Amino acid sequence: MALDELLDRARGPMGPAVEVDFGAGAPAWRELGGVLSRMNGFFLFNAGVQVFRVGAEGWGPELSGWNEPDTWKDTYRGLADDLFCFGQDLFGVQFAIDGGGQVVSMDPETGQRSALGTSLDEWAAWLLAEPDDRGAATFAKAWQDAFGPLTPEQRLIPRQFFVTGGSYDFGNLIVQDAGLAMRIRGPIARQVHDLPDGARISFTVE
C-alpha cells in the first residue's frame, strides 16, 4: 500500500505513542486513526509535508487544536469549516478530510479545494507520484540547506502572495509560525475565492 510506503519514509513521531480511533465512518477516518496510532505526527520529504500529532505533549501543531476555529479557521469565515485538517505542506496547503469523507487539499490563499481521493492511501499515492511538486521535497531541502532547519511550528509564507503573481524565489519567502501564516491568508482567501480567472484583485485590509 502507498500509505505503508509513505510511513516508511516518515520522520517522527512528534508525540508520545497513542491509540487513535475516530469511530466508524469513511475509510479516510479509519486510516487516519491507524496512521496516528502507528506514528503520532511526522514529517515527509525533508519536512516538505507535515502530519499533525495528537495529545498535549510533543512538537508542532496538535491535531485537535489546529482544527479549533480560533486557531485560524475563523479568518476564512466558512471556507474551511467542514474540513478536518490533518497535515500541511511547506507553504501551508492544507490536507484534510471534508464533510463527505473525501480527502482534499485546500489552497491557503484562495480557499479552493482539490479532491485527492476517498482514502489516505490515495492521498499517499498522490504524494509519492510527484514528491517534488506535491510534497515540496527538493525545495524544502534547498531552503533548509541555505537557511537552516524549520522548527515543527514553522512554515513558509510569501511576501507577495502567489495568487497575485508572487514567485517561489527565496527572496519572496519568509519563515512564519504556521497558525499565524494561515490567519494572515484567511482574509485574502475570502476576497479571491469566488473571483473568476483573470479577475483584477483589489484587497481590503482588515
C-alpha atoms as a PDB file:
ATOM      1  CA  MET A   1       0.000   0.000   0.000  1.00  0.00           C
ATOM      2  CA  ALA A   2       1.119   3.536  -0.734  1.00  0.00           C
ATOM      3  CA  LEU A   3       0.363   4.573   2.846  1.00  0.00           C
ATOM      4  CA  ASP A   4       2.822   1.975   4.178  1.00  0.00           C
ATOM      5  CA  GLU A   5       5.498   3.253   1.816  1.00  0.00           C
ATOM      6  CA  LEU A   6       4.828   6.809   2.943  1.00  0.00           C
ATOM      7  CA  LEU A   7       5.182   5.865   6.602  1.00  0.00           C
ATOM      8  CA  ASP A   8       8.447   4.068   5.836  1.00  0.00           C
ATOM      9  CA  ARG A   9       9.771   7.425   4.605  1.00  0.00           C
ATOM     10  CA  ALA A  10       8.414   9.424   7.530  1.00  0.00           C
ATOM     11  CA  ARG A  11      10.470  11.186  10.190  1.00  0.00           C
ATOM     12  CA  GLY A  12       8.816  11.038  13.580  1.00  0.00           C
ATOM     13  CA  PRO A  13       6.985  10.575  15.829  1.00  0.00           C
ATOM     14  CA  MET A  14       6.300  14.107  17.005  1.00  0.00           C
ATOM     15  CA  GLY A  15       4.461  12.997  20.134  1.00  0.00           C
ATOM     16  CA  PRO A  16       4.154  10.048  22.534  1.00  0.00           C
ATOM     17  CA  ALA A  17       2.542   6.823  21.367  1.00  0.00           C
ATOM     18  CA  VAL A  18      -1.260   6.989  21.306  1.00  0.00           C
ATOM     19  CA  GLU A  19      -4.215   4.876  20.234  1.00  0.00           C
ATOM     20  CA  VAL A  20      -6.468   6.954  17.978  1.00  0.00           C
ATOM     21  CA  ASP A  21      -9.940   5.882  16.895  1.00  0.00           C
ATOM     22  CA  PHE A  22     -12.220   8.281  15.025  1.00  0.00           C
ATOM     23  CA  GLY A  23     -15.036   5.730  15.049  1.00  0.00           C
ATOM     24  CA  ALA A  24     -16.849   4.098  12.185  1.00  0.00           C
ATOM     25  CA  GLY A  25     -17.147   6.146   9.068  1.00  0.00           C
ATOM     26  CA  ALA A  26     -15.451   6.841   5.768  1.00  0.00           C
ATOM     27  CA  PRO A  27     -12.233   4.903   5.048  1.00  0.00           C
ATOM     28  CA  ALA A  28     -10.138   8.054   5.422  1.00  0.00           C
ATOM     29  CA  TRP A  29     -11.142   8.436   9.076  1.00  0.00           C
ATOM     30  CA  ARG A  30     -10.219   4.836   9.905  1.00  0.00           C
ATOM     31  CA  GLU A  31      -6.924   5.204   8.082  1.00  0.00           C
ATOM     32  CA  LEU A  32      -6.076   8.458   9.853  1.00  0.00           C
ATOM     33  CA  GLY A  33      -6.632   6.825  13.230  1.00  0.00           C
ATOM     34  CA  GLY A  34      -4.447   3.918  12.193  1.00  0.00           C
ATOM     35  CA  VAL A  35      -1.666   6.138  10.889  1.00  0.00           C
ATOM     36  CA  LEU A  36      -1.503   8.241  14.067  1.00  0.00           C
ATOM     37  CA  SER A  37      -1.580   5.108  16.210  1.00  0.00           C
ATOM     38  CA  ARG A  38       1.465   3.859  14.305  1.00  0.00           C
ATOM     39  CA  MET A  39       3.315   7.184  14.296  1.00  0.00           C
ATOM     40  CA  ASN A  40       1.985  10.132  16.260  1.00  0.00           C
ATOM     41  CA  GLY A  41       2.815  13.017  13.937  1.00  0.00           C
ATOM     42  CA  PHE A  42       5.623  13.086  11.419  1.00  0.00           C
ATOM     43  CA  PHE A  43       7.366  14.861   8.579  1.00  0.00           C
ATOM     44  CA  LEU A  44       7.873  13.716   4.994  1.00  0.00           C
ATOM     45  CA  PHE A  45      10.051  14.824   2.088  1.00  0.00           C
ATOM     46  CA  ASN A  46      12.631  16.893   4.019  1.00  0.00           C
ATOM     47  CA  ALA A  47       9.824  18.490   6.069  1.00  0.00           C
ATOM     48  CA  GLY A  48       8.006  19.466   2.885  1.00  0.00           C
ATOM     49  CA  VAL A  49       4.905  17.754   4.322  1.00  0.00           C
ATOM     50  CA  GLN A  50       3.826  17.659   7.956  1.00  0.00           C
ATOM     51  CA  VAL A  51       1.187  15.423   9.572  1.00  0.00           C
ATOM     52  CA  PHE A  52      -0.002  16.720  12.936  1.00  0.00           C
ATOM     53  CA  ARG A  53       0.370  14.874  16.242  1.00  0.00           C
ATOM     54  CA  VAL A  54      -2.343  14.059  18.799  1.00  0.00           C
ATOM     55  CA  GLY A  55      -2.166  14.913  22.510  1.00  0.00           C
ATOM     56  CA  ALA A  56      -0.840  17.565  24.852  1.00  0.00           C
ATOM     57  CA  GLU A  57       2.824  16.570  24.624  1.00  0.00           C
ATOM     58  CA  GLY A  58       5.021  16.811  21.567  1.00  0.00           C
ATOM     59  CA  TRP A  59       6.255  19.112  18.851  1.00  0.00           C
ATOM     60  CA  GLY A  60       4.442  21.142  16.248  1.00  0.00           C
ATOM     61  CA  PRO A  61       0.705  21.803  15.899  1.00  0.00           C
ATOM     62  CA  GLU A  62      -1.625  19.437  17.733  1.00  0.00           C
ATOM     63  CA  LEU A  63      -4.379  17.932  15.615  1.00  0.00           C
ATOM     64  CA  SER A  64      -7.470  18.951  17.582  1.00  0.00           C
ATOM     65  CA  GLY A  65      -6.055  22.366  18.438  1.00  0.00           C
ATOM     66  CA  TRP A  66      -5.188  23.014  14.807  1.00  0.00           C
ATOM     67  CA  ASN A  67      -8.819  22.433  13.895  1.00  0.00           C
ATOM     68  CA  GLU A  68     -10.242  24.760  16.562  1.00  0.00           C
ATOM     69  CA  PRO A  69     -11.918  27.782  14.895  1.00  0.00           C
ATOM     70  CA  ASP A  70      -9.840  30.374  16.727  1.00  0.00           C
ATOM     71  CA  THR A  71      -6.523  28.829  15.681  1.00  0.00           C
ATOM     72  CA  TRP A  72      -7.027  30.054  12.091  1.00  0.00           C
ATOM     73  CA  LYS A  73     -10.303  28.821  10.546  1.00  0.00           C
ATOM     74  CA  ASP A  74     -12.317  31.778  11.820  1.00  0.00           C
ATOM     75  CA  THR A  75     -10.388  34.051   9.449  1.00  0.00           C
ATOM     76  CA  TYR A  76     -11.691  32.011   6.486  1.00  0.00           C
ATOM     77  CA  ARG A  77     -15.339  32.575   7.538  1.00  0.00           C
ATOM     78  CA  GLY A  78     -16.827  29.308   6.394  1.00  0.00           C
ATOM     79  CA  LEU A  79     -14.370  28.282   3.682  1.00  0.00           C
ATOM     80  CA  ALA A  80     -12.736  25.676   5.930  1.00  0.00           C
ATOM     81  CA  ASP A  81     -15.442  24.914   8.497  1.00  0.00           C
ATOM     82  CA  ASP A  82     -16.219  21.403   7.222  1.00  0.00           C
ATOM     83  CA  LEU A  83     -12.582  20.414   6.840  1.00  0.00           C
ATOM     84  CA  PHE A  84     -10.678  18.335   9.365  1.00  0.00           C
ATOM     85  CA  CYS A  85      -7.098  19.241   8.515  1.00  0.00           C
ATOM     86  CA  PHE A  86      -4.590  16.532   9.387  1.00  0.00           C
ATOM     87  CA  GLY A  87      -1.485  17.967   7.722  1.00  0.00           C
ATOM     88  CA  GLN A  88       0.028  20.633   5.512  1.00  0.00           C
ATOM     89  CA  ASP A  89       2.810  21.206   3.042  1.00  0.00           C
ATOM     90  CA  LEU A  90       5.756  23.600   3.263  1.00  0.00           C
ATOM     91  CA  PHE A  91       3.658  26.560   2.091  1.00  0.00           C
ATOM     92  CA  GLY A  92       0.575  25.885   4.210  1.00  0.00           C
ATOM     93  CA  VAL A  93      -1.527  23.966   1.702  1.00  0.00           C
ATOM     94  CA  GLN A  94      -3.853  22.002   3.968  1.00  0.00           C
ATOM     95  CA  PHE A  95      -4.538  18.282   3.657  1.00  0.00           C
ATOM     96  CA  ALA A  96      -7.945  17.437   5.073  1.00  0.00           C
ATOM     97  CA  ILE A  97     -10.944  15.141   5.246  1.00  0.00           C
ATOM     98  CA  ASP A  98     -14.076  17.004   4.213  1.00  0.00           C
ATOM     99  CA  GLY A  99     -17.622  16.596   5.473  1.00  0.00           C
ATOM    100  CA  GLY A 100     -18.312  13.885   2.920  1.00  0.00           C
ATOM    101  CA  GLY A 101     -15.290  11.793   3.872  1.00  0.00           C
ATOM    102  CA  GLN A 102     -13.216  12.825   0.849  1.00  0.00           C
ATOM    103  CA  VAL A 103      -9.506  13.629   1.172  1.00  0.00           C
ATOM    104  CA  VAL A 104      -8.813  17.086  -0.236  1.00  0.00           C
ATOM    105  CA  SER A 105      -6.189  19.794  -0.346  1.00  0.00           C
ATOM    106  CA  MET A 106      -7.021  23.446   0.325  1.00  0.00           C
ATOM    107  CA  ASP A 107      -5.044  26.355  -1.068  1.00  0.00           C
ATOM    108  CA  PRO A 108      -4.451  28.760   1.851  1.00  0.00           C
ATOM    109  CA  GLU A 109      -4.551  31.854  -0.392  1.00  0.00           C
ATOM    110  CA  THR A 110      -7.790  31.091  -2.234  1.00  0.00           C
ATOM    111  CA  GLY A 111      -9.655  28.537  -0.135  1.00  0.00           C
ATOM    112  CA  GLN A 112     -10.039  26.450  -3.288  1.00  0.00           C
ATOM    113  CA  ARG A 113     -10.104  22.691  -2.804  1.00  0.00           C
ATOM    114  CA  SER A 114      -8.806  19.824  -4.899  1.00  0.00           C
ATOM    115  CA  ALA A 115     -10.123  16.286  -4.440  1.00  0.00           C
ATOM    116  CA  LEU A 116      -7.325  13.763  -3.836  1.00  0.00           C
ATOM    117  CA  GLY A 117      -9.329  10.587  -3.270  1.00  0.00           C
ATOM    118  CA  THR A 118     -11.596   8.754  -0.881  1.00  0.00           C
ATOM    119  CA  SER A 119      -8.833   7.370   1.321  1.00  0.00           C
ATOM    120  CA  LEU A 120      -5.488   8.300   2.858  1.00  0.00           C
ATOM    121  CA  ASP A 121      -3.920   5.572   0.742  1.00  0.00           C
ATOM    122  CA  GLU A 122      -4.959   7.507  -2.367  1.00  0.00           C
ATOM    123  CA  TRP A 123      -3.539  10.678  -0.792  1.00  0.00           C
ATOM    124  CA  ALA A 124      -0.275   8.839  -0.144  1.00  0.00           C
ATOM    125  CA  ALA A 125      -0.135   7.574  -3.735  1.00  0.00           C
ATOM    126  CA  TRP A 126      -0.789  11.121  -4.978  1.00  0.00           C
ATOM    127  CA  LEU A 127       2.137  12.469  -2.935  1.00  0.00           C
ATOM    128  CA  LEU A 128       4.500   9.656  -3.897  1.00  0.00           C
ATOM    129  CA  ALA A 129       3.764  10.142  -7.601  1.00  0.00           C
ATOM    130  CA  GLU A 130       5.314  13.638  -7.578  1.00  0.00           C
ATOM    131  CA  PRO A 131       7.089  14.318  -4.276  1.00  0.00           C
ATOM    132  CA  ASP A 132       8.841  17.425  -5.578  1.00  0.00           C
ATOM    133  CA  ASP A 133       5.741  19.168  -6.900  1.00  0.00           C
ATOM    134  CA  ARG A 134       3.202  17.849  -4.384  1.00  0.00           C
ATOM    135  CA  GLY A 135       5.441  17.411  -1.357  1.00  0.00           C
ATOM    136  CA  ALA A 136       7.971  20.231  -1.933  1.00  0.00           C
ATOM    137  CA  ALA A 137      10.757  17.720  -1.288  1.00  0.00           C
ATOM    138  CA  THR A 138      13.594  19.334  -3.254  1.00  0.00           C
ATOM    139  CA  PHE A 139      12.531  22.892  -2.394  1.00  0.00           C
ATOM    140  CA  ALA A 140      12.347  22.106   1.325  1.00  0.00           C
ATOM    141  CA  LYS A 141      15.870  20.665   1.292  1.00  0.00           C
ATOM    142  CA  ALA A 142      17.263  23.606  -0.672  1.00  0.00           C
ATOM    143  CA  TRP A 143      15.664  26.154   1.667  1.00  0.00           C
ATOM    144  CA  GLN A 144      16.929  24.455   4.813  1.00  0.00           C
ATOM    145  CA  ASP A 145      20.391  23.922   3.334  1.00  0.00           C
ATOM    146  CA  ALA A 146      20.531  27.684   2.769  1.00  0.00           C
ATOM    147  CA  PHE A 147      18.831  28.998   5.914  1.00  0.00           C
ATOM    148  CA  GLY A 148      18.762  26.203   8.459  1.00  0.00           C
ATOM    149  CA  PRO A 149      16.009  23.818   9.559  1.00  0.00           C
ATOM    150  CA  LEU A 150      12.469  24.958  10.243  1.00  0.00           C
ATOM    151  CA  THR A 151      11.022  24.198  13.657  1.00  0.00           C
ATOM    152  CA  PRO A 152       7.934  21.945  13.791  1.00  0.00           C
ATOM    153  CA  GLU A 153       5.812  25.071  14.362  1.00  0.00           C
ATOM    154  CA  GLN A 154       7.054  26.899  11.252  1.00  0.00           C
ATOM    155  CA  ARG A 155       6.132  27.007   7.575  1.00  0.00           C
ATOM    156  CA  LEU A 156       6.985  29.394   4.717  1.00  0.00           C
ATOM    157  CA  ILE A 157       4.783  32.268   3.567  1.00  0.00           C
ATOM    158  CA  PRO A 158       5.349  34.568   0.560  1.00  0.00           C
ATOM    159  CA  ARG A 159       5.888  38.313   0.932  1.00  0.00           C
ATOM    160  CA  GLN A 160       3.915  38.769  -2.288  1.00  0.00           C
ATOM    161  CA  PHE A 161       1.139  36.198  -2.349  1.00  0.00           C
ATOM    162  CA  PHE A 162       1.348  33.528  -5.021  1.00  0.00           C
ATOM    163  CA  VAL A 163      -2.205  34.317  -6.116  1.00  0.00           C
ATOM    164  CA  THR A 164      -1.073  37.830  -7.086  1.00  0.00           C
ATOM    165  CA  GLY A 165       1.944  36.608  -9.044  1.00  0.00           C
ATOM    166  CA  GLY A 166       4.449  36.194  -6.247  1.00  0.00           C
ATOM    167  CA  SER A 167       7.322  33.870  -7.045  1.00  0.00           C
ATOM    168  CA  TYR A 168       8.796  30.888  -5.251  1.00  0.00           C
ATOM    169  CA  ASP A 169      12.208  32.581  -5.169  1.00  0.00           C
ATOM    170  CA  PHE A 170      13.877  32.525  -1.762  1.00  0.00           C
ATOM    171  CA  GLY A 171      13.729  36.319  -1.617  1.00  0.00           C
ATOM    172  CA  ASN A 172       9.932  36.232  -1.705  1.00  0.00           C
ATOM    173  CA  LEU A 173       9.603  33.810   1.201  1.00  0.00           C
ATOM    174  CA  ILE A 174       9.829  34.209   4.951  1.00  0.00           C
ATOM    175  CA  VAL A 175       9.563  31.796   7.865  1.00  0.00           C
ATOM    176  CA  GLN A 176       6.387  32.202   9.898  1.00  0.00           C
ATOM    177  CA  ASP A 177       4.508  30.449  12.686  1.00  0.00           C
ATOM    178  CA  ALA A 178       2.167  28.048  10.891  1.00  0.00           C
ATOM    179  CA  GLY A 179      -1.011  29.211  12.591  1.00  0.00           C
ATOM    180  CA  LEU A 180      -0.241  32.890  12.090  1.00  0.00           C
ATOM    181  CA  ALA A 181       0.602  32.205   8.439  1.00  0.00           C
ATOM    182  CA  MET A 182      -2.896  30.797   7.958  1.00  0.00           C
ATOM    183  CA  ARG A 183      -4.530  33.706   9.779  1.00  0.00           C
ATOM    184  CA  ILE A 184      -2.700  36.175   7.542  1.00  0.00           C
ATOM    185  CA  ARG A 185      -4.046  34.483   4.422  1.00  0.00           C
ATOM    186  CA  GLY A 186      -7.612  33.841   5.561  1.00  0.00           C
ATOM    187  CA  PRO A 187      -8.900  37.341   4.697  1.00  0.00           C
ATOM    188  CA  ILE A 188      -7.139  37.112   1.319  1.00  0.00           C
ATOM    189  CA  ALA A 189      -8.792  33.781   0.556  1.00  0.00           C
ATOM    190  CA  ARG A 190     -12.233  35.180   1.349  1.00  0.00           C
ATOM    191  CA  GLN A 191     -11.747  38.020  -1.120  1.00  0.00           C
ATOM    192  CA  VAL A 192     -10.454  35.936  -4.039  1.00  0.00           C
ATOM    193  CA  HIS A 193     -12.327  32.647  -3.510  1.00  0.00           C
ATOM    194  CA  ASP A 194     -15.199  33.392  -5.892  1.00  0.00           C
ATOM    195  CA  LEU A 195     -13.384  35.580  -8.397  1.00  0.00           C
ATOM    196  CA  PRO A 196     -13.146  34.276 -11.982  1.00  0.00           C
ATOM    197  CA  ASP A 197      -9.751  33.524 -13.514  1.00  0.00           C
ATOM    198  CA  GLY A 198      -8.020  36.676 -14.695  1.00  0.00           C
ATOM    199  CA  ALA A 199     -10.092  38.985 -12.495  1.00  0.00           C
ATOM    200  CA  ARG A 200      -8.468  42.138 -11.173  1.00  0.00           C
ATOM    201  CA  ILE A 201      -7.705  41.776  -7.466  1.00  0.00           C
ATOM    202  CA  SER A 202      -8.050  44.708  -5.074  1.00  0.00           C
ATOM    203  CA  PHE A 203      -7.583  43.708  -1.439  1.00  0.00           C
ATOM    204  CA  THR A 204      -9.397  45.236   1.506  1.00  0.00           C
ATOM    205  CA  VAL A 205      -7.173  45.452   4.577  1.00  0.00           C
ATOM    206  CA  GLU A 206      -8.934  44.413   7.790  1.00  0.00           C
END
